[in-house]
Amino acid sequence: MRRVFLGLLVIAVLAWLGWSWTRGRRVAPPPTSGPTDSTAVGVKALRLYFGAANGDSLVTESREILEPSGLHDRVEALVAELDRGPRGRGVAVLPAGTSVLRVFVDDAGLMTLDLSGAFRQRFRGGSSAEYLAIASLMRTIGANVPEAKTVLIICAGRPIPTLGGHLPLDRPLEISDWP
């Protein structure tokens, strides 16, 4: 009986010590998960290039988006905006459904841009449509991705010789050639 009494006494003393020790310390409540604070996210202004309504040149459009975090996200956002089309004047010139699969930029500024199969499969048009599609992509990248100096366009993981038979895409294109 004495052992039981001593055991209970030790447990009671330990409980009292634990209670008195934590009583003086306030424990912060766990963080609540509320709505995301969008003020901490930056906004990025983009310059996009779309086809002119008359089909013979490009027109620019400024657009603001939430600032993407990395290279892939930035280029993916650019191509997605081009695919959505203009909000003002102009027409979309990329084949519908074009998206970015992968993108890399090496130390020399060579961007390898892997576009979805829709880029090639859904292209319809002649030499003017091909020129406008490539020019829209090149000028948009040139205006928004300063680390890219040249762009090698591939499609669905494979090199493509051309989009519509008029412009060679089997080698990198110089961004400075697309002012």
N, C-alpha and C. Protein backbone atom coordinates (compact mmCIF):
# COMPACT_ATOMS: atom_id res chain seq x y z
N MET A 1 0.81 -1.17 0.00
CA MET A 1 0.00 0.00 0.00
C MET A 1 0.87 1.26 0.00
N ARG A 2 1.94 1.17 0.74
CA ARG A 2 2.84 2.30 0.83
C ARG A 2 3.45 2.61 -0.55
N ARG A 3 3.78 1.59 -1.34
CA ARG A 3 4.34 1.79 -2.67
C ARG A 3 3.33 2.47 -3.60
N VAL A 4 2.11 2.07 -3.50
CA VAL A 4 1.06 2.66 -4.33
C VAL A 4 0.91 4.14 -3.96
N PHE A 5 0.90 4.42 -2.65
CA PHE A 5 0.78 5.80 -2.21
C PHE A 5 1.95 6.64 -2.70
N LEU A 6 3.18 6.13 -2.58
CA LEU A 6 4.37 6.86 -3.04
C LEU A 6 4.33 7.04 -4.56
N GLY A 7 3.88 6.05 -5.29
CA GLY A 7 3.78 6.14 -6.75
C GLY A 7 2.79 7.23 -7.16
N LEU A 8 1.63 7.25 -6.51
CA LEU A 8 0.63 8.27 -6.80
C LEU A 8 1.14 9.66 -6.43
N LEU A 9 1.88 9.74 -5.32
CA LEU A 9 2.44 11.01 -4.89
C LEU A 9 3.45 11.54 -5.91
N VAL A 10 4.31 10.67 -6.42
CA VAL A 10 5.30 11.06 -7.43
C VAL A 10 4.60 11.53 -8.71
N ILE A 11 3.58 10.82 -9.12
CA ILE A 11 2.84 11.20 -10.32
C ILE A 11 2.17 12.55 -10.12
N ALA A 12 1.59 12.79 -8.94
CA ALA A 12 0.92 14.05 -8.65
C ALA A 12 1.92 15.20 -8.64
N VAL A 13 3.10 14.98 -8.05
CA VAL A 13 4.12 16.03 -8.01
C VAL A 13 4.60 16.35 -9.43
N LEU A 14 4.84 15.35 -10.24
CA LEU A 14 5.27 15.56 -11.63
C LEU A 14 4.21 16.30 -12.43
N ALA A 15 2.95 15.94 -12.23
CA ALA A 15 1.87 16.62 -12.93
C ALA A 15 1.80 18.08 -12.51
N TRP A 16 1.94 18.33 -11.17
CA TRP A 16 1.90 19.71 -10.70
C TRP A 16 3.07 20.51 -11.26
N LEU A 17 4.28 19.93 -11.32
CA LEU A 17 5.44 20.63 -11.87
C LEU A 17 5.24 20.94 -13.36
N GLY A 18 4.72 19.99 -14.08
CA GLY A 18 4.45 20.21 -15.49
C GLY A 18 3.42 21.30 -15.72
N TRP A 19 2.37 21.28 -14.90
CA TRP A 19 1.33 22.30 -15.02
C TRP A 19 1.86 23.68 -14.67
N SER A 20 2.62 23.78 -13.60
CA SER A 20 3.12 25.09 -13.18
C SER A 20 4.18 25.61 -14.16
N TRP A 21 4.94 24.72 -14.78
CA TRP A 21 5.95 25.16 -15.75
C TRP A 21 5.30 25.70 -17.02
N THR A 22 4.28 25.03 -17.54
CA THR A 22 3.63 25.47 -18.78
C THR A 22 2.66 26.61 -18.54
N ARG A 23 2.21 26.80 -17.30
CA ARG A 23 1.27 27.87 -17.00
C ARG A 23 1.87 29.25 -17.29
N GLY A 24 3.16 29.43 -17.03
CA GLY A 24 3.82 30.71 -17.26
C GLY A 24 4.18 30.94 -18.72
N ARG A 25 4.15 29.90 -19.51
CA ARG A 25 4.49 30.02 -20.93
C ARG A 25 3.23 30.02 -21.77
N ARG A 26 3.11 30.98 -22.64
CA ARG A 26 1.96 31.03 -23.55
C ARG A 26 2.35 30.35 -24.85
N VAL A 27 1.55 29.46 -25.29
CA VAL A 27 1.80 28.77 -26.55
C VAL A 27 1.05 29.51 -27.64
N ALA A 28 1.78 29.86 -28.69
CA ALA A 28 1.14 30.57 -29.81
C ALA A 28 0.16 29.65 -30.50
N PRO A 29 -1.00 30.18 -30.86
CA PRO A 29 -1.97 29.34 -31.57
C PRO A 29 -1.42 28.97 -32.94
N PRO A 30 -1.80 27.82 -33.45
CA PRO A 30 -1.32 27.43 -34.78
C PRO A 30 -1.81 28.42 -35.83
N PRO A 31 -1.00 28.64 -36.87
CA PRO A 31 -1.42 29.58 -37.91
C PRO A 31 -2.69 29.10 -38.60
N THR A 32 -3.55 30.01 -38.88
CA THR A 32 -4.78 29.65 -39.58
C THR A 32 -4.54 29.77 -41.07
N SER A 33 -5.17 28.92 -41.82
CA SER A 33 -5.03 29.00 -43.27
C SER A 33 -6.20 29.79 -43.80
N GLY A 34 -5.90 31.00 -44.19
CA GLY A 34 -6.93 31.89 -44.74
C GLY A 34 -6.65 32.12 -46.20
N PRO A 35 -7.27 33.12 -46.75
CA PRO A 35 -7.03 33.42 -48.16
C PRO A 35 -5.59 33.87 -48.38
N THR A 36 -5.07 33.56 -49.54
CA THR A 36 -3.72 33.95 -49.90
C THR A 36 -3.61 35.46 -50.01
N ASP A 37 -2.54 36.00 -49.46
CA ASP A 37 -2.32 37.44 -49.51
C ASP A 37 -1.73 37.79 -50.87
N SER A 38 -2.55 38.32 -51.75
CA SER A 38 -2.09 38.62 -53.10
C SER A 38 -1.23 39.88 -53.15
N THR A 39 -1.18 40.64 -52.05
CA THR A 39 -0.34 41.84 -52.07
C THR A 39 1.12 41.49 -52.02
N ALA A 40 1.45 40.26 -51.57
CA ALA A 40 2.85 39.83 -51.52
C ALA A 40 3.34 39.35 -52.88
N VAL A 41 2.44 39.12 -53.80
CA VAL A 41 2.79 38.64 -55.13
C VAL A 41 2.94 39.84 -56.06
N GLY A 42 4.03 39.84 -56.83
CA GLY A 42 4.26 40.94 -57.76
C GLY A 42 3.44 40.80 -59.03
N VAL A 43 3.27 41.90 -59.69
CA VAL A 43 2.58 41.91 -60.97
C VAL A 43 3.62 42.23 -62.03
N LYS A 44 3.56 41.52 -63.11
CA LYS A 44 4.53 41.67 -64.19
C LYS A 44 3.81 42.20 -65.43
N ALA A 45 4.36 43.25 -66.01
CA ALA A 45 3.81 43.78 -67.27
C ALA A 45 4.48 43.05 -68.42
N LEU A 46 3.69 42.56 -69.34
CA LEU A 46 4.18 41.84 -70.52
C LEU A 46 3.94 42.67 -71.77
N ARG A 47 4.80 42.46 -72.74
CA ARG A 47 4.57 43.02 -74.08
C ARG A 47 4.37 41.82 -74.99
N LEU A 48 3.18 41.74 -75.57
CA LEU A 48 2.81 40.63 -76.44
C LEU A 48 2.65 41.12 -77.86
N TYR A 49 2.92 40.25 -78.82
CA TYR A 49 2.80 40.59 -80.23
C TYR A 49 1.78 39.67 -80.89
N PHE A 50 0.78 40.29 -81.50
CA PHE A 50 -0.28 39.58 -82.22
C PHE A 50 -0.31 40.04 -83.66
N GLY A 51 -1.00 39.30 -84.49
CA GLY A 51 -1.12 39.69 -85.88
C GLY A 51 -2.03 40.90 -86.03
N ALA A 52 -1.69 41.78 -86.97
CA ALA A 52 -2.56 42.92 -87.29
C ALA A 52 -3.82 42.39 -87.98
N ALA A 53 -4.90 43.12 -87.84
CA ALA A 53 -6.17 42.68 -88.43
C ALA A 53 -6.07 42.50 -89.95
N ASN A 54 -5.21 43.30 -90.61
CA ASN A 54 -5.08 43.17 -92.07
C ASN A 54 -4.15 42.03 -92.46
N GLY A 55 -3.48 41.38 -91.47
CA GLY A 55 -2.67 40.20 -91.74
C GLY A 55 -1.30 40.44 -92.32
N ASP A 56 -0.81 41.69 -92.31
CA ASP A 56 0.50 41.92 -92.91
C ASP A 56 1.59 42.34 -91.94
N SER A 57 1.27 42.45 -90.66
CA SER A 57 2.27 42.87 -89.67
C SER A 57 1.83 42.44 -88.28
N LEU A 58 2.60 42.86 -87.28
CA LEU A 58 2.26 42.57 -85.90
C LEU A 58 1.89 43.85 -85.16
N VAL A 59 1.06 43.71 -84.16
CA VAL A 59 0.72 44.82 -83.27
C VAL A 59 1.07 44.40 -81.85
N THR A 60 1.42 45.38 -81.02
CA THR A 60 1.78 45.07 -79.63
C THR A 60 0.59 45.29 -78.72
N GLU A 61 0.62 44.54 -77.62
CA GLU A 61 -0.39 44.70 -76.58
C GLU A 61 0.29 44.50 -75.25
N SER A 62 0.05 45.39 -74.31
CA SER A 62 0.57 45.24 -72.96
C SER A 62 -0.47 44.52 -72.13
N ARG A 63 0.02 43.70 -71.24
CA ARG A 63 -0.87 42.93 -70.37
C ARG A 63 -0.16 42.71 -69.05
N GLU A 64 -0.89 42.70 -67.95
CA GLU A 64 -0.31 42.44 -66.64
C GLU A 64 -0.78 41.09 -66.14
N ILE A 65 0.17 40.34 -65.57
CA ILE A 65 -0.15 39.04 -64.97
C ILE A 65 0.56 38.96 -63.63
N LEU A 66 0.17 37.99 -62.80
CA LEU A 66 0.91 37.74 -61.57
C LEU A 66 2.29 37.26 -61.97
N GLU A 67 3.30 37.79 -61.31
CA GLU A 67 4.68 37.52 -61.71
C GLU A 67 5.04 36.05 -61.53
N PRO A 68 5.40 35.38 -62.64
CA PRO A 68 5.82 33.98 -62.56
C PRO A 68 7.15 33.85 -61.82
N SER A 69 7.39 32.69 -61.22
CA SER A 69 8.56 32.53 -60.37
C SER A 69 9.83 32.14 -61.12
N GLY A 70 9.76 31.32 -62.11
CA GLY A 70 10.97 30.84 -62.79
C GLY A 70 10.85 30.97 -64.30
N LEU A 71 11.91 30.58 -65.00
CA LEU A 71 11.96 30.68 -66.45
C LEU A 71 10.81 29.93 -67.12
N HIS A 72 10.61 28.68 -66.72
CA HIS A 72 9.55 27.88 -67.35
C HIS A 72 8.20 28.56 -67.16
N ASP A 73 7.93 29.03 -65.95
CA ASP A 73 6.65 29.67 -65.68
C ASP A 73 6.49 30.97 -66.47
N ARG A 74 7.57 31.73 -66.62
CA ARG A 74 7.50 32.98 -67.39
C ARG A 74 7.18 32.70 -68.85
N VAL A 75 7.92 31.77 -69.46
CA VAL A 75 7.71 31.47 -70.88
C VAL A 75 6.35 30.80 -71.08
N GLU A 76 5.97 29.94 -70.16
CA GLU A 76 4.66 29.30 -70.24
C GLU A 76 3.54 30.35 -70.20
N ALA A 77 3.69 31.36 -69.34
CA ALA A 77 2.70 32.43 -69.25
C ALA A 77 2.64 33.24 -70.55
N LEU A 78 3.79 33.52 -71.13
CA LEU A 78 3.83 34.27 -72.40
C LEU A 78 3.09 33.52 -73.50
N VAL A 79 3.40 32.24 -73.67
CA VAL A 79 2.77 31.45 -74.73
C VAL A 79 1.27 31.28 -74.45
N ALA A 80 0.90 31.12 -73.19
CA ALA A 80 -0.52 31.01 -72.85
C ALA A 80 -1.27 32.28 -73.20
N GLU A 81 -0.66 33.44 -72.95
CA GLU A 81 -1.30 34.71 -73.30
C GLU A 81 -1.41 34.87 -74.81
N LEU A 82 -0.38 34.45 -75.54
CA LEU A 82 -0.46 34.50 -77.00
C LEU A 82 -1.57 33.58 -77.51
N ASP A 83 -1.70 32.41 -76.88
CA ASP A 83 -2.74 31.46 -77.28
C ASP A 83 -4.14 32.01 -76.98
N ARG A 84 -4.28 32.75 -75.89
CA ARG A 84 -5.58 33.35 -75.54
C ARG A 84 -6.02 34.39 -76.56
N GLY A 85 -5.04 35.04 -77.17
CA GLY A 85 -5.36 36.04 -78.17
C GLY A 85 -5.41 37.44 -77.59
N PRO A 86 -5.53 38.41 -78.47
CA PRO A 86 -5.51 39.81 -78.02
C PRO A 86 -6.82 40.20 -77.34
N ARG A 87 -6.71 41.21 -76.48
CA ARG A 87 -7.90 41.79 -75.84
C ARG A 87 -8.37 43.01 -76.61
N GLY A 88 -7.46 43.57 -77.37
CA GLY A 88 -7.79 44.77 -78.15
C GLY A 88 -7.79 44.44 -79.63
N ARG A 89 -7.07 45.26 -80.35
CA ARG A 89 -6.99 45.05 -81.80
C ARG A 89 -6.02 43.90 -82.09
N GLY A 90 -6.11 43.34 -83.24
CA GLY A 90 -5.22 42.26 -83.63
C GLY A 90 -5.89 40.91 -83.59
N VAL A 91 -5.14 39.91 -84.04
CA VAL A 91 -5.64 38.53 -84.07
C VAL A 91 -4.55 37.59 -83.56
N ALA A 92 -4.97 36.49 -82.96
CA ALA A 92 -4.03 35.47 -82.52
C ALA A 92 -3.43 34.80 -83.75
N VAL A 93 -2.12 34.57 -83.73
CA VAL A 93 -1.47 33.96 -84.90
C VAL A 93 -0.80 32.63 -84.56
N LEU A 94 -0.70 32.28 -83.28
CA LEU A 94 -0.19 30.95 -82.94
C LEU A 94 -1.29 29.93 -83.18
N PRO A 95 -0.94 28.73 -83.60
CA PRO A 95 -1.96 27.70 -83.74
C PRO A 95 -2.67 27.47 -82.39
N ALA A 96 -3.97 27.34 -82.43
CA ALA A 96 -4.77 27.17 -81.21
C ALA A 96 -4.29 25.97 -80.40
N GLY A 97 -4.20 26.15 -79.09
CA GLY A 97 -3.80 25.07 -78.20
C GLY A 97 -2.30 24.96 -78.01
N THR A 98 -1.52 25.86 -78.59
CA THR A 98 -0.07 25.83 -78.42
C THR A 98 0.26 26.10 -76.96
N SER A 99 1.11 25.27 -76.39
CA SER A 99 1.55 25.47 -75.01
C SER A 99 3.01 25.06 -74.88
N VAL A 100 3.61 25.40 -73.76
CA VAL A 100 5.02 25.07 -73.51
C VAL A 100 5.10 23.75 -72.77
N LEU A 101 5.92 22.85 -73.30
CA LEU A 101 6.19 21.59 -72.60
C LEU A 101 7.43 21.74 -71.72
N ARG A 102 8.51 22.22 -72.32
CA ARG A 102 9.78 22.43 -71.61
C ARG A 102 10.48 23.64 -72.20
N VAL A 103 11.33 24.27 -71.38
CA VAL A 103 12.13 25.38 -71.87
C VAL A 103 13.42 25.43 -71.07
N PHE A 104 14.51 25.64 -71.78
CA PHE A 104 15.84 25.73 -71.17
C PHE A 104 16.59 26.89 -71.81
N VAL A 105 17.42 27.56 -71.02
CA VAL A 105 18.32 28.57 -71.56
C VAL A 105 19.72 28.25 -71.06
N ASP A 106 20.67 28.12 -71.99
CA ASP A 106 22.05 27.82 -71.56
C ASP A 106 22.80 29.12 -71.27
N ASP A 107 24.06 28.98 -70.88
CA ASP A 107 24.87 30.14 -70.50
C ASP A 107 25.12 31.11 -71.66
N ALA A 108 25.04 30.62 -72.88
CA ALA A 108 25.27 31.47 -74.05
C ALA A 108 23.99 32.17 -74.51
N GLY A 109 22.86 31.91 -73.83
CA GLY A 109 21.60 32.55 -74.19
C GLY A 109 20.78 31.78 -75.21
N LEU A 110 21.14 30.51 -75.46
CA LEU A 110 20.35 29.67 -76.37
C LEU A 110 19.16 29.11 -75.62
N MET A 111 17.96 29.51 -76.03
CA MET A 111 16.74 28.97 -75.45
C MET A 111 16.26 27.83 -76.33
N THR A 112 16.06 26.68 -75.72
CA THR A 112 15.41 25.56 -76.41
C THR A 112 13.97 25.56 -75.93
N LEU A 113 13.05 25.78 -76.85
CA LEU A 113 11.64 25.92 -76.54
C LEU A 113 10.89 24.74 -77.13
N ASP A 114 10.39 23.88 -76.25
CA ASP A 114 9.64 22.70 -76.67
C ASP A 114 8.15 23.01 -76.55
N LEU A 115 7.51 23.13 -77.70
CA LEU A 115 6.08 23.46 -77.74
C LEU A 115 5.25 22.19 -77.93
N SER A 116 4.00 22.26 -77.54
CA SER A 116 3.08 21.13 -77.67
C SER A 116 2.85 20.77 -79.13
N GLY A 117 2.34 19.57 -79.35
CA GLY A 117 2.06 19.09 -80.71
C GLY A 117 1.08 19.97 -81.46
N ALA A 118 0.23 20.69 -80.74
CA ALA A 118 -0.75 21.57 -81.39
C ALA A 118 -0.08 22.64 -82.23
N PHE A 119 1.12 23.05 -81.84
CA PHE A 119 1.83 24.08 -82.60
C PHE A 119 2.00 23.67 -84.05
N ARG A 120 2.36 22.43 -84.27
CA ARG A 120 2.57 21.95 -85.64
C ARG A 120 1.30 21.37 -86.25
N GLN A 121 0.57 20.60 -85.48
CA GLN A 121 -0.60 19.90 -86.01
C GLN A 121 -1.74 20.84 -86.40
N ARG A 122 -1.89 21.94 -85.69
CA ARG A 122 -3.01 22.84 -85.95
C ARG A 122 -2.64 24.05 -86.80
N PHE A 123 -1.40 24.10 -87.29
CA PHE A 123 -1.02 25.22 -88.13
C PHE A 123 -1.73 25.10 -89.47
N ARG A 124 -2.37 26.19 -89.88
CA ARG A 124 -3.02 26.28 -91.18
C ARG A 124 -2.62 27.62 -91.78
N GLY A 125 -2.16 27.59 -92.99
CA GLY A 125 -1.82 28.86 -93.63
C GLY A 125 -0.58 28.73 -94.48
N GLY A 126 -0.29 29.81 -95.15
CA GLY A 126 0.84 29.86 -96.05
C GLY A 126 2.03 30.56 -95.43
N SER A 127 2.83 31.15 -96.29
CA SER A 127 4.08 31.77 -95.84
C SER A 127 3.84 32.96 -94.92
N SER A 128 2.82 33.76 -95.18
CA SER A 128 2.53 34.92 -94.31
C SER A 128 2.09 34.47 -92.93
N ALA A 129 1.22 33.49 -92.86
CA ALA A 129 0.75 32.98 -91.57
C ALA A 129 1.91 32.36 -90.79
N GLU A 130 2.80 31.67 -91.49
CA GLU A 130 3.96 31.07 -90.83
C GLU A 130 4.89 32.16 -90.29
N TYR A 131 5.15 33.17 -91.11
CA TYR A 131 6.01 34.26 -90.67
C TYR A 131 5.42 34.95 -89.44
N LEU A 132 4.13 35.26 -89.45
CA LEU A 132 3.50 35.95 -88.33
C LEU A 132 3.51 35.10 -87.05
N ALA A 133 3.31 33.80 -87.18
CA ALA A 133 3.33 32.93 -86.00
C ALA A 133 4.72 32.92 -85.36
N ILE A 134 5.74 32.75 -86.18
CA ILE A 134 7.12 32.71 -85.66
C ILE A 134 7.53 34.10 -85.16
N ALA A 135 7.18 35.14 -85.90
CA ALA A 135 7.53 36.50 -85.49
C ALA A 135 6.84 36.87 -84.18
N SER A 136 5.60 36.48 -84.01
CA SER A 136 4.87 36.75 -82.76
C SER A 136 5.59 36.11 -81.58
N LEU A 137 5.98 34.87 -81.75
CA LEU A 137 6.69 34.14 -80.70
C LEU A 137 8.05 34.75 -80.41
N MET A 138 8.82 35.03 -81.44
CA MET A 138 10.18 35.56 -81.27
C MET A 138 10.17 36.96 -80.67
N ARG A 139 9.30 37.83 -81.14
CA ARG A 139 9.26 39.19 -80.59
C ARG A 139 8.76 39.20 -79.15
N THR A 140 7.80 38.36 -78.85
CA THR A 140 7.29 38.28 -77.48
C THR A 140 8.37 37.78 -76.54
N ILE A 141 9.10 36.75 -76.94
CA ILE A 141 10.20 36.24 -76.11
C ILE A 141 11.29 37.31 -75.99
N GLY A 142 11.65 37.93 -77.10
CA GLY A 142 12.68 38.96 -77.07
C GLY A 142 12.34 40.12 -76.16
N ALA A 143 11.08 40.48 -76.07
CA ALA A 143 10.65 41.62 -75.25
C ALA A 143 10.54 41.27 -73.76
N ASN A 144 10.41 39.97 -73.44
CA ASN A 144 10.10 39.60 -72.06
C ASN A 144 11.10 38.65 -71.41
N VAL A 145 12.00 38.08 -72.18
CA VAL A 145 12.98 37.13 -71.63
C VAL A 145 14.37 37.61 -72.05
N PRO A 146 14.94 38.56 -71.31
CA PRO A 146 16.20 39.17 -71.75
C PRO A 146 17.38 38.20 -71.77
N GLU A 147 17.33 37.11 -71.03
CA GLU A 147 18.45 36.18 -71.03
C GLU A 147 18.51 35.33 -72.30
N ALA A 148 17.44 35.32 -73.09
CA ALA A 148 17.43 34.55 -74.34
C ALA A 148 17.97 35.40 -75.49
N LYS A 149 18.96 34.88 -76.19
CA LYS A 149 19.54 35.57 -77.35
C LYS A 149 19.16 34.87 -78.65
N THR A 150 19.06 33.55 -78.59
CA THR A 150 18.63 32.74 -79.73
C THR A 150 17.60 31.74 -79.23
N VAL A 151 16.74 31.27 -80.15
CA VAL A 151 15.68 30.33 -79.79
C VAL A 151 15.67 29.17 -80.77
N LEU A 152 15.75 27.96 -80.24
CA LEU A 152 15.57 26.75 -81.04
C LEU A 152 14.19 26.21 -80.71
N ILE A 153 13.31 26.20 -81.70
CA ILE A 153 11.94 25.73 -81.49
C ILE A 153 11.87 24.26 -81.86
N ILE A 154 11.41 23.46 -80.89
CA ILE A 154 11.14 22.06 -81.16
C ILE A 154 9.68 21.79 -80.80
N CYS A 155 9.17 20.67 -81.22
CA CYS A 155 7.75 20.40 -81.03
C CYS A 155 7.56 18.98 -80.51
N ALA A 156 6.91 18.87 -79.37
CA ALA A 156 6.63 17.57 -78.74
C ALA A 156 7.91 16.75 -78.55
N GLY A 157 8.99 17.44 -78.17
CA GLY A 157 10.25 16.77 -77.88
C GLY A 157 11.11 16.45 -79.09
N ARG A 158 10.66 16.84 -80.27
CA ARG A 158 11.41 16.50 -81.49
C ARG A 158 11.69 17.76 -82.31
N PRO A 159 12.86 17.79 -82.96
CA PRO A 159 13.14 18.92 -83.85
C PRO A 159 12.15 18.95 -85.01
N ILE A 160 11.85 20.14 -85.47
CA ILE A 160 10.99 20.26 -86.66
C ILE A 160 11.75 21.11 -87.68
N PRO A 161 11.74 20.69 -88.93
CA PRO A 161 12.49 21.44 -89.95
C PRO A 161 11.84 22.78 -90.26
N THR A 162 10.50 22.85 -90.16
CA THR A 162 9.77 24.06 -90.50
C THR A 162 8.36 23.94 -89.95
N LEU A 163 7.66 25.05 -89.84
CA LEU A 163 6.27 25.00 -89.39
C LEU A 163 5.33 24.80 -90.58
N GLY A 164 5.54 25.57 -91.62
CA GLY A 164 4.66 25.48 -92.78
C GLY A 164 5.38 25.34 -94.10
N GLY A 165 6.70 25.09 -94.04
CA GLY A 165 7.45 24.86 -95.26
C GLY A 165 8.20 26.06 -95.79
N HIS A 166 8.16 27.19 -95.10
CA HIS A 166 8.79 28.40 -95.63
C HIS A 166 9.93 28.95 -94.79
N LEU A 167 9.87 28.79 -93.49
CA LEU A 167 10.92 29.28 -92.59
C LEU A 167 11.64 28.09 -91.95
N PRO A 168 12.96 28.05 -92.05
CA PRO A 168 13.69 26.93 -91.44
C PRO A 168 13.71 27.05 -89.91
N LEU A 169 13.34 25.97 -89.24
CA LEU A 169 13.37 25.91 -87.77
C LEU A 169 14.35 24.85 -87.28
N ASP A 170 15.20 24.34 -88.18
CA ASP A 170 16.14 23.29 -87.80
C ASP A 170 17.41 23.84 -87.16
N ARG A 171 17.47 25.14 -86.98
CA ARG A 171 18.61 25.78 -86.31
C ARG A 171 18.07 26.93 -85.47
N PRO A 172 18.84 27.38 -84.49
CA PRO A 172 18.37 28.47 -83.63
C PRO A 172 18.13 29.76 -84.42
N LEU A 173 17.10 30.49 -84.01
CA LEU A 173 16.76 31.78 -84.61
C LEU A 173 17.28 32.88 -83.70
N GLU A 174 17.93 33.88 -84.28
CA GLU A 174 18.45 35.02 -83.54
C GLU A 174 17.29 35.95 -83.20
N ILE A 175 17.14 36.28 -81.94
CA ILE A 175 16.09 37.20 -81.54
C ILE A 175 16.29 38.56 -82.19
N SER A 176 17.53 38.97 -82.34
CA SER A 176 17.81 40.29 -82.94
C SER A 176 17.39 40.36 -84.41
N ASP A 177 17.15 39.23 -85.06
CA ASP A 177 16.68 39.22 -86.45
C ASP A 177 15.17 39.46 -86.56
N TRP A 178 14.48 39.55 -85.41
CA TRP A 178 13.02 39.70 -85.39
C TRP A 178 12.64 40.98 -84.64
N PRO A 179 13.08 42.15 -85.15
CA PRO A 179 12.84 43.41 -84.41
C PRO A 179 11.38 43.82 -84.37
